[in-house]
Amino acid sequence: MARYRIKGVDLAEEMGMSTNSISNLRKADSLPRIDGHTLNSLCMSLRRLSRVDITPTDLIEFIVDDEKAKTR
């Protein structure tokens, strides 16, 4: 959102969600459970607000948690 200067309030309005929901999604330390409809709505809303094609791979970053990997 920062890259395209999209405000949480604008995204919330575009998606028909509360600003608290958007804020919680942005602050999540782990990937929250999002159904396909919500993920599609998120991508389409970001696309409309940024005027750039945005896909799920643009939203998700995989980082290996070395501490958890060592215990397995």
PDB file of N, CA and C in Angstrom:
ATOM      1  N   MET A   1       0.822  -1.183   0.000  1.00  0.00           N
ATOM      2  CA  MET A   1       0.000   0.000   0.000  1.00  0.00           C
ATOM      3  C   MET A   1       0.869   1.252   0.000  1.00  0.00           C
ATOM      4  N   ALA A   2       1.960   1.213   0.760  1.00  0.00           N
ATOM      5  CA  ALA A   2       2.840   2.374   0.824  1.00  0.00           C
ATOM      6  C   ALA A   2       3.455   2.658  -0.537  1.00  0.00           C
ATOM      7  N   ARG A   3       3.814   1.594  -1.242  1.00  0.00           N
ATOM      8  CA  ARG A   3       4.449   1.762  -2.560  1.00  0.00           C
ATOM      9  C   ARG A   3       3.571   2.567  -3.504  1.00  0.00           C
ATOM     10  N   TYR A   4       2.257   2.359  -3.406  1.00  0.00           N
ATOM     11  CA  TYR A   4       1.326   3.026  -4.315  1.00  0.00           C
ATOM     12  C   TYR A   4       0.531   4.139  -3.631  1.00  0.00           C
ATOM     13  N   ARG A   5       0.948   4.468  -2.406  1.00  0.00           N
ATOM     14  CA  ARG A   5       0.315   5.538  -1.635  1.00  0.00           C
ATOM     15  C   ARG A   5      -1.182   5.321  -1.465  1.00  0.00           C
ATOM     16  N   ILE A   6      -1.531   4.090  -1.090  1.00  0.00           N
ATOM     17  CA  ILE A   6      -2.927   3.752  -0.840  1.00  0.00           C
ATOM     18  C   ILE A   6      -3.164   3.824   0.658  1.00  0.00           C
ATOM     19  N   LYS A   7      -4.154   4.581   1.052  1.00  0.00           N
ATOM     20  CA  LYS A   7      -4.495   4.732   2.463  1.00  0.00           C
ATOM     21  C   LYS A   7      -5.431   3.602   2.889  1.00  0.00           C
ATOM     22  N   GLY A   8      -5.278   3.182   4.137  1.00  0.00           N
ATOM     23  CA  GLY A   8      -6.123   2.125   4.675  1.00  0.00           C
ATOM     24  C   GLY A   8      -7.591   2.460   4.601  1.00  0.00           C
ATOM     25  N   VAL A   9      -7.929   3.702   4.858  1.00  0.00           N
ATOM     26  CA  VAL A   9      -9.330   4.116   4.807  1.00  0.00           C
ATOM     27  C   VAL A   9      -9.880   3.999   3.386  1.00  0.00           C
ATOM     28  N   ASP A  10      -9.063   4.307   2.388  1.00  0.00           N
ATOM     29  CA  ASP A  10      -9.507   4.190   0.997  1.00  0.00           C
ATOM     30  C   ASP A  10      -9.700   2.724   0.607  1.00  0.00           C
ATOM     31  N   LEU A  11      -8.771   1.866   1.046  1.00  0.00           N
ATOM     32  CA  LEU A  11      -8.902   0.439   0.751  1.00  0.00           C
ATOM     33  C   LEU A  11     -10.121  -0.143   1.451  1.00  0.00           C
ATOM     34  N   ALA A  12     -10.327   0.243   2.692  1.00  0.00           N
ATOM     35  CA  ALA A  12     -11.486  -0.244   3.446  1.00  0.00           C
ATOM     36  C   ALA A  12     -12.787   0.148   2.743  1.00  0.00           C
ATOM     37  N   GLU A  13     -12.857   1.381   2.301  1.00  0.00           N
ATOM     38  CA  GLU A  13     -14.058   1.847   1.601  1.00  0.00           C
ATOM     39  C   GLU A  13     -14.254   1.087   0.294  1.00  0.00           C
ATOM     40  N   GLU A  14     -13.177   0.900  -0.455  1.00  0.00           N
ATOM     41  CA  GLU A  14     -13.246   0.192  -1.741  1.00  0.00           C
ATOM     42  C   GLU A  14     -13.714  -1.249  -1.561  1.00  0.00           C
ATOM     43  N   MET A  15     -13.272  -1.889  -0.460  1.00  0.00           N
ATOM     44  CA  MET A  15     -13.617  -3.285  -0.210  1.00  0.00           C
ATOM     45  C   MET A  15     -14.912  -3.456   0.577  1.00  0.00           C
ATOM     46  N   GLY A  16     -15.437  -2.358   1.120  1.00  0.00           N
ATOM     47  CA  GLY A  16     -16.635  -2.458   1.945  1.00  0.00           C
ATOM     48  C   GLY A  16     -16.335  -3.075   3.296  1.00  0.00           C
ATOM     49  N   MET A  17     -15.142  -2.804   3.826  1.00  0.00           N
ATOM     50  CA  MET A  17     -14.723  -3.337   5.118  1.00  0.00           C
ATOM     51  C   MET A  17     -14.483  -2.171   6.075  1.00  0.00           C
ATOM     52  N   SER A  18     -14.319  -2.501   7.342  1.00  0.00           N
ATOM     53  CA  SER A  18     -13.993  -1.458   8.313  1.00  0.00           C
ATOM     54  C   SER A  18     -12.506  -1.129   8.236  1.00  0.00           C
ATOM     55  N   THR A  19     -12.163   0.065   8.656  1.00  0.00           N
ATOM     56  CA  THR A  19     -10.754   0.446   8.679  1.00  0.00           C
ATOM     57  C   THR A  19      -9.988  -0.404   9.689  1.00  0.00           C
ATOM     58  N   ASN A  20     -10.655  -0.839  10.757  1.00  0.00           N
ATOM     59  CA  ASN A  20     -10.004  -1.714  11.736  1.00  0.00           C
ATOM     60  C   ASN A  20      -9.618  -3.046  11.110  1.00  0.00           C
ATOM     61  N   SER A  21     -10.465  -3.588  10.251  1.00  0.00           N
ATOM     62  CA  SER A  21     -10.157  -4.860   9.586  1.00  0.00           C
ATOM     63  C   SER A  21      -8.920  -4.724   8.709  1.00  0.00           C
ATOM     64  N   ILE A  22      -8.828  -3.640   7.977  1.00  0.00           N
ATOM     65  CA  ILE A  22      -7.660  -3.402   7.120  1.00  0.00           C
ATOM     66  C   ILE A  22      -6.414  -3.221   7.975  1.00  0.00           C
ATOM     67  N   SER A  23      -6.545  -2.464   9.055  1.00  0.00           N
ATOM     68  CA  SER A  23      -5.414  -2.247   9.953  1.00  0.00           C
ATOM     69  C   SER A  23      -4.926  -3.561  10.560  1.00  0.00           C
ATOM     70  N   ASN A  24      -5.845  -4.401  10.992  1.00  0.00           N
ATOM     71  CA  ASN A  24      -5.474  -5.701  11.562  1.00  0.00           C
ATOM     72  C   ASN A  24      -4.794  -6.589  10.530  1.00  0.00           C
ATOM     73  N   LEU A  25      -5.262  -6.541   9.311  1.00  0.00           N
ATOM     74  CA  LEU A  25      -4.657  -7.324   8.236  1.00  0.00           C
ATOM     75  C   LEU A  25      -3.224  -6.861   7.978  1.00  0.00           C
ATOM     76  N   ARG A  26      -3.007  -5.583   7.984  1.00  0.00           N
ATOM     77  CA  ARG A  26      -1.662  -5.031   7.735  1.00  0.00           C
ATOM     78  C   ARG A  26      -0.704  -5.328   8.873  1.00  0.00           C
ATOM     79  N   LYS A  27      -1.202  -5.373  10.095  1.00  0.00           N
ATOM     80  CA  LYS A  27      -0.346  -5.573  11.264  1.00  0.00           C
ATOM     81  C   LYS A  27      -0.087  -7.039  11.595  1.00  0.00           C
ATOM     82  N   ALA A  28      -0.736  -7.949  10.923  1.00  0.00           N
ATOM     83  CA  ALA A  28      -0.639  -9.374  11.253  1.00  0.00           C
ATOM     84  C   ALA A  28       0.800  -9.871  11.116  1.00  0.00           C
ATOM     85  N   ASP A  29       1.275 -10.586  12.137  1.00  0.00           N
ATOM     86  CA  ASP A  29       2.614 -11.177  12.088  1.00  0.00           C
ATOM     87  C   ASP A  29       2.643 -12.436  11.238  1.00  0.00           C
ATOM     88  N   SER A  30       1.498 -13.064  11.099  1.00  0.00           N
ATOM     89  CA  SER A  30       1.408 -14.258  10.259  1.00  0.00           C
ATOM     90  C   SER A  30       0.238 -14.077   9.302  1.00  0.00           C
ATOM     91  N   LEU A  31       0.221 -14.894   8.282  1.00  0.00           N
ATOM     92  CA  LEU A  31      -0.817 -14.778   7.267  1.00  0.00           C
ATOM     93  C   LEU A  31      -2.172 -15.166   7.855  1.00  0.00           C
ATOM     94  N   PRO A  32      -3.086 -14.221   7.907  1.00  0.00           N
ATOM     95  CA  PRO A  32      -4.415 -14.558   8.414  1.00  0.00           C
ATOM     96  C   PRO A  32      -5.183 -15.398   7.408  1.00  0.00           C
ATOM     97  N   ARG A  33      -6.172 -16.091   7.882  1.00  0.00           N
ATOM     98  CA  ARG A  33      -7.003 -16.917   6.998  1.00  0.00           C
ATOM     99  C   ARG A  33      -7.873 -15.994   6.155  1.00  0.00           C
ATOM    100  N   ILE A  34      -7.680 -16.063   4.854  1.00  0.00           N
ATOM    101  CA  ILE A  34      -8.455 -15.250   3.916  1.00  0.00           C
ATOM    102  C   ILE A  34      -9.037 -16.184   2.865  1.00  0.00           C
ATOM    103  N   ASP A  35     -10.342 -16.092   2.663  1.00  0.00           N
ATOM    104  CA  ASP A  35     -10.948 -16.946   1.645  1.00  0.00           C
ATOM    105  C   ASP A  35     -10.680 -16.361   0.257  1.00  0.00           C
ATOM    106  N   GLY A  36     -10.960 -17.143  -0.756  1.00  0.00           N
ATOM    107  CA  GLY A  36     -10.685 -16.742  -2.135  1.00  0.00           C
ATOM    108  C   GLY A  36     -11.409 -15.473  -2.536  1.00  0.00           C
ATOM    109  N   HIS A  37     -12.638 -15.315  -2.073  1.00  0.00           N
ATOM    110  CA  HIS A  37     -13.416 -14.118  -2.408  1.00  0.00           C
ATOM    111  C   HIS A  37     -12.751 -12.868  -1.843  1.00  0.00           C
ATOM    112  N   THR A  38     -12.304 -12.940  -0.586  1.00  0.00           N
ATOM    113  CA  THR A  38     -11.666 -11.789   0.053  1.00  0.00           C
ATOM    114  C   THR A  38     -10.330 -11.462  -0.605  1.00  0.00           C
ATOM    115  N   LEU A  39      -9.561 -12.498  -0.931  1.00  0.00           N
ATOM    116  CA  LEU A  39      -8.277 -12.276  -1.595  1.00  0.00           C
ATOM    117  C   LEU A  39      -8.490 -11.633  -2.964  1.00  0.00           C
ATOM    118  N   ASN A  40      -9.471 -12.107  -3.698  1.00  0.00           N
ATOM    119  CA  ASN A  40      -9.784 -11.522  -5.004  1.00  0.00           C
ATOM    120  C   ASN A  40     -10.231 -10.073  -4.841  1.00  0.00           C
ATOM    121  N   SER A  41     -11.078  -9.806  -3.856  1.00  0.00           N
ATOM    122  CA  SER A  41     -11.544  -8.451  -3.601  1.00  0.00           C
ATOM    123  C   SER A  41     -10.385  -7.538  -3.225  1.00  0.00           C
ATOM    124  N   LEU A  42      -9.455  -8.050  -2.421  1.00  0.00           N
ATOM    125  CA  LEU A  42      -8.280  -7.277  -2.026  1.00  0.00           C
ATOM    126  C   LEU A  42      -7.436  -6.916  -3.247  1.00  0.00           C
ATOM    127  N   CYS A  43      -7.149  -7.905  -4.083  1.00  0.00           N
ATOM    128  CA  CYS A  43      -6.343  -7.652  -5.288  1.00  0.00           C
ATOM    129  C   CYS A  43      -7.041  -6.681  -6.238  1.00  0.00           C
ATOM    130  N   MET A  44      -8.332  -6.876  -6.448  1.00  0.00           N
ATOM    131  CA  MET A  44      -9.062  -5.998  -7.369  1.00  0.00           C
ATOM    132  C   MET A  44      -9.151  -4.575  -6.818  1.00  0.00           C
ATOM    133  N   SER A  45      -9.351  -4.446  -5.523  1.00  0.00           N
ATOM    134  CA  SER A  45      -9.422  -3.117  -4.909  1.00  0.00           C
ATOM    135  C   SER A  45      -8.077  -2.409  -5.001  1.00  0.00           C
ATOM    136  N   LEU A  46      -7.003  -3.121  -4.693  1.00  0.00           N
ATOM    137  CA  LEU A  46      -5.671  -2.528  -4.804  1.00  0.00           C
ATOM    138  C   LEU A  46      -5.366  -2.151  -6.243  1.00  0.00           C
ATOM    139  N   ARG A  47      -5.817  -2.982  -7.165  1.00  0.00           N
ATOM    140  CA  ARG A  47      -5.598  -2.690  -8.593  1.00  0.00           C
ATOM    141  C   ARG A  47      -6.312  -1.404  -9.004  1.00  0.00           C
ATOM    142  N   ARG A  48      -7.569  -1.258  -8.568  1.00  0.00           N
ATOM    143  CA  ARG A  48      -8.324  -0.051  -8.920  1.00  0.00           C
ATOM    144  C   ARG A  48      -7.699   1.200  -8.292  1.00  0.00           C
ATOM    145  N   LEU A  49      -7.264   1.082  -7.044  1.00  0.00           N
ATOM    146  CA  LEU A  49      -6.705   2.246  -6.348  1.00  0.00           C
ATOM    147  C   LEU A  49      -5.306   2.612  -6.838  1.00  0.00           C
ATOM    148  N   SER A  50      -4.533   1.618  -7.266  1.00  0.00           N
ATOM    149  CA  SER A  50      -3.155   1.882  -7.692  1.00  0.00           C
ATOM    150  C   SER A  50      -3.018   2.026  -9.202  1.00  0.00           C
ATOM    151  N   ARG A  51      -4.010   1.498  -9.926  1.00  0.00           N
ATOM    152  CA  ARG A  51      -3.977   1.457 -11.389  1.00  0.00           C
ATOM    153  C   ARG A  51      -2.815   0.600 -11.899  1.00  0.00           C
ATOM    154  N   VAL A  52      -2.448  -0.423 -11.101  1.00  0.00           N
ATOM    155  CA  VAL A  52      -1.382  -1.365 -11.438  1.00  0.00           C
ATOM    156  C   VAL A  52      -1.930  -2.759 -11.199  1.00  0.00           C
ATOM    157  N   ASP A  53      -1.561  -3.720 -12.061  1.00  0.00           N
ATOM    158  CA  ASP A  53      -1.977  -5.103 -11.830  1.00  0.00           C
ATOM    159  C   ASP A  53      -1.306  -5.628 -10.568  1.00  0.00           C
ATOM    160  N   ILE A  54      -2.097  -6.086  -9.631  1.00  0.00           N
ATOM    161  CA  ILE A  54      -1.586  -6.639  -8.386  1.00  0.00           C
ATOM    162  C   ILE A  54      -2.131  -8.049  -8.251  1.00  0.00           C
ATOM    163  N   THR A  55      -1.240  -8.992  -7.969  1.00  0.00           N
ATOM    164  CA  THR A  55      -1.610 -10.396  -7.818  1.00  0.00           C
ATOM    165  C   THR A  55      -1.290 -10.858  -6.397  1.00  0.00           C
ATOM    166  N   PRO A  56      -1.796 -12.013  -5.982  1.00  0.00           N
ATOM    167  CA  PRO A  56      -1.484 -12.520  -4.637  1.00  0.00           C
ATOM    168  C   PRO A  56       0.012 -12.625  -4.360  1.00  0.00           C
ATOM    169  N   THR A  57       0.814 -12.934  -5.373  1.00  0.00           N
ATOM    170  CA  THR A  57       2.258 -13.049  -5.140  1.00  0.00           C
ATOM    171  C   THR A  57       2.887 -11.693  -4.821  1.00  0.00           C
ATOM    172  N   ASP A  58       2.215 -10.610  -5.167  1.00  0.00           N
ATOM    173  CA  ASP A  58       2.696  -9.278  -4.797  1.00  0.00           C
ATOM    174  C   ASP A  58       2.404  -8.971  -3.328  1.00  0.00           C
ATOM    175  N   LEU A  59       1.462  -9.706  -2.740  1.00  0.00           N
ATOM    176  CA  LEU A  59       1.024  -9.424  -1.377  1.00  0.00           C
ATOM    177  C   LEU A  59       1.675 -10.322  -0.338  1.00  0.00           C
ATOM    178  N   ILE A  60       2.225 -11.437  -0.776  1.00  0.00           N
ATOM    179  CA  ILE A  60       2.734 -12.445   0.160  1.00  0.00           C
ATOM    180  C   ILE A  60       4.237 -12.581   0.017  1.00  0.00           C
ATOM    181  N   GLU A  61       4.909 -12.567   1.140  1.00  0.00           N
ATOM    182  CA  GLU A  61       6.357 -12.764   1.162  1.00  0.00           C
ATOM    183  C   GLU A  61       6.645 -13.939   2.089  1.00  0.00           C
ATOM    184  N   PHE A  62       7.421 -14.896   1.633  1.00  0.00           N
ATOM    185  CA  PHE A  62       7.782 -16.047   2.454  1.00  0.00           C
ATOM    186  C   PHE A  62       9.144 -15.804   3.086  1.00  0.00           C
ATOM    187  N   ILE A  63       9.175 -15.879   4.408  1.00  0.00           N
ATOM    188  CA  ILE A  63      10.423 -15.721   5.148  1.00  0.00           C
ATOM    189  C   ILE A  63      10.578 -16.938   6.039  1.00  0.00           C
ATOM    190  N   VAL A  64      11.690 -17.628   5.898  1.00  0.00           N
ATOM    191  CA  VAL A  64      11.943 -18.815   6.709  1.00  0.00           C
ATOM    192  C   VAL A  64      12.212 -18.392   8.144  1.00  0.00           C
ATOM    193  N   ASP A  65      11.495 -19.006   9.062  1.00  0.00           N
ATOM    194  CA  ASP A  65      11.710 -18.769  10.484  1.00  0.00           C
ATOM    195  C   ASP A  65      12.737 -19.784  10.956  1.00  0.00           C
ATOM    196  N   ASP A  66      14.000 -19.382  11.027  1.00  0.00           N
ATOM    197  CA  ASP A  66      15.086 -20.298  11.352  1.00  0.00           C
ATOM    198  C   ASP A  66      14.905 -20.985  12.693  1.00  0.00           C
ATOM    199  N   GLU A  67      14.358 -20.304  13.673  1.00  0.00           N
ATOM    200  CA  GLU A  67      14.181 -20.904  14.999  1.00  0.00           C
ATOM    201  C   GLU A  67      13.184 -22.061  14.946  1.00  0.00           C
ATOM    202  N   LYS A  68      12.084 -21.888  14.251  1.00  0.00           N
ATOM    203  CA  LYS A  68      11.084 -22.947  14.146  1.00  0.00           C
ATOM    204  C   LYS A  68      11.618 -24.093  13.282  1.00  0.00           C
ATOM    205  N   ALA A  69      12.374 -23.778  12.241  1.00  0.00           N
ATOM    206  CA  ALA A  69      12.915 -24.814  11.366  1.00  0.00           C
ATOM    207  C   ALA A  69      13.904 -25.705  12.119  1.00  0.00           C
ATOM    208  N   LYS A  70      14.636 -25.161  13.070  1.00  0.00           N
ATOM    209  CA  LYS A  70      15.621 -25.927  13.841  1.00  0.00           C
ATOM    210  C   LYS A  70      14.961 -26.928  14.767  1.00  0.00           C
ATOM    211  N   THR A  71      13.756 -26.651  15.230  1.00  0.00           N
ATOM    212  CA  THR A  71      13.088 -27.538  16.186  1.00  0.00           C
ATOM    213  C   THR A  71      12.344 -28.678  15.508  1.00  0.00           C
ATOM    214  N   ARG A  72      12.295 -28.695  14.231  1.00  0.00           N
ATOM    215  CA  ARG A  72      11.551 -29.758  13.525  1.00  0.00           C
ATOM    216  C   ARG A  72      12.449 -30.874  13.109  1.00  0.00           C
TER     217      ARG A  72
END
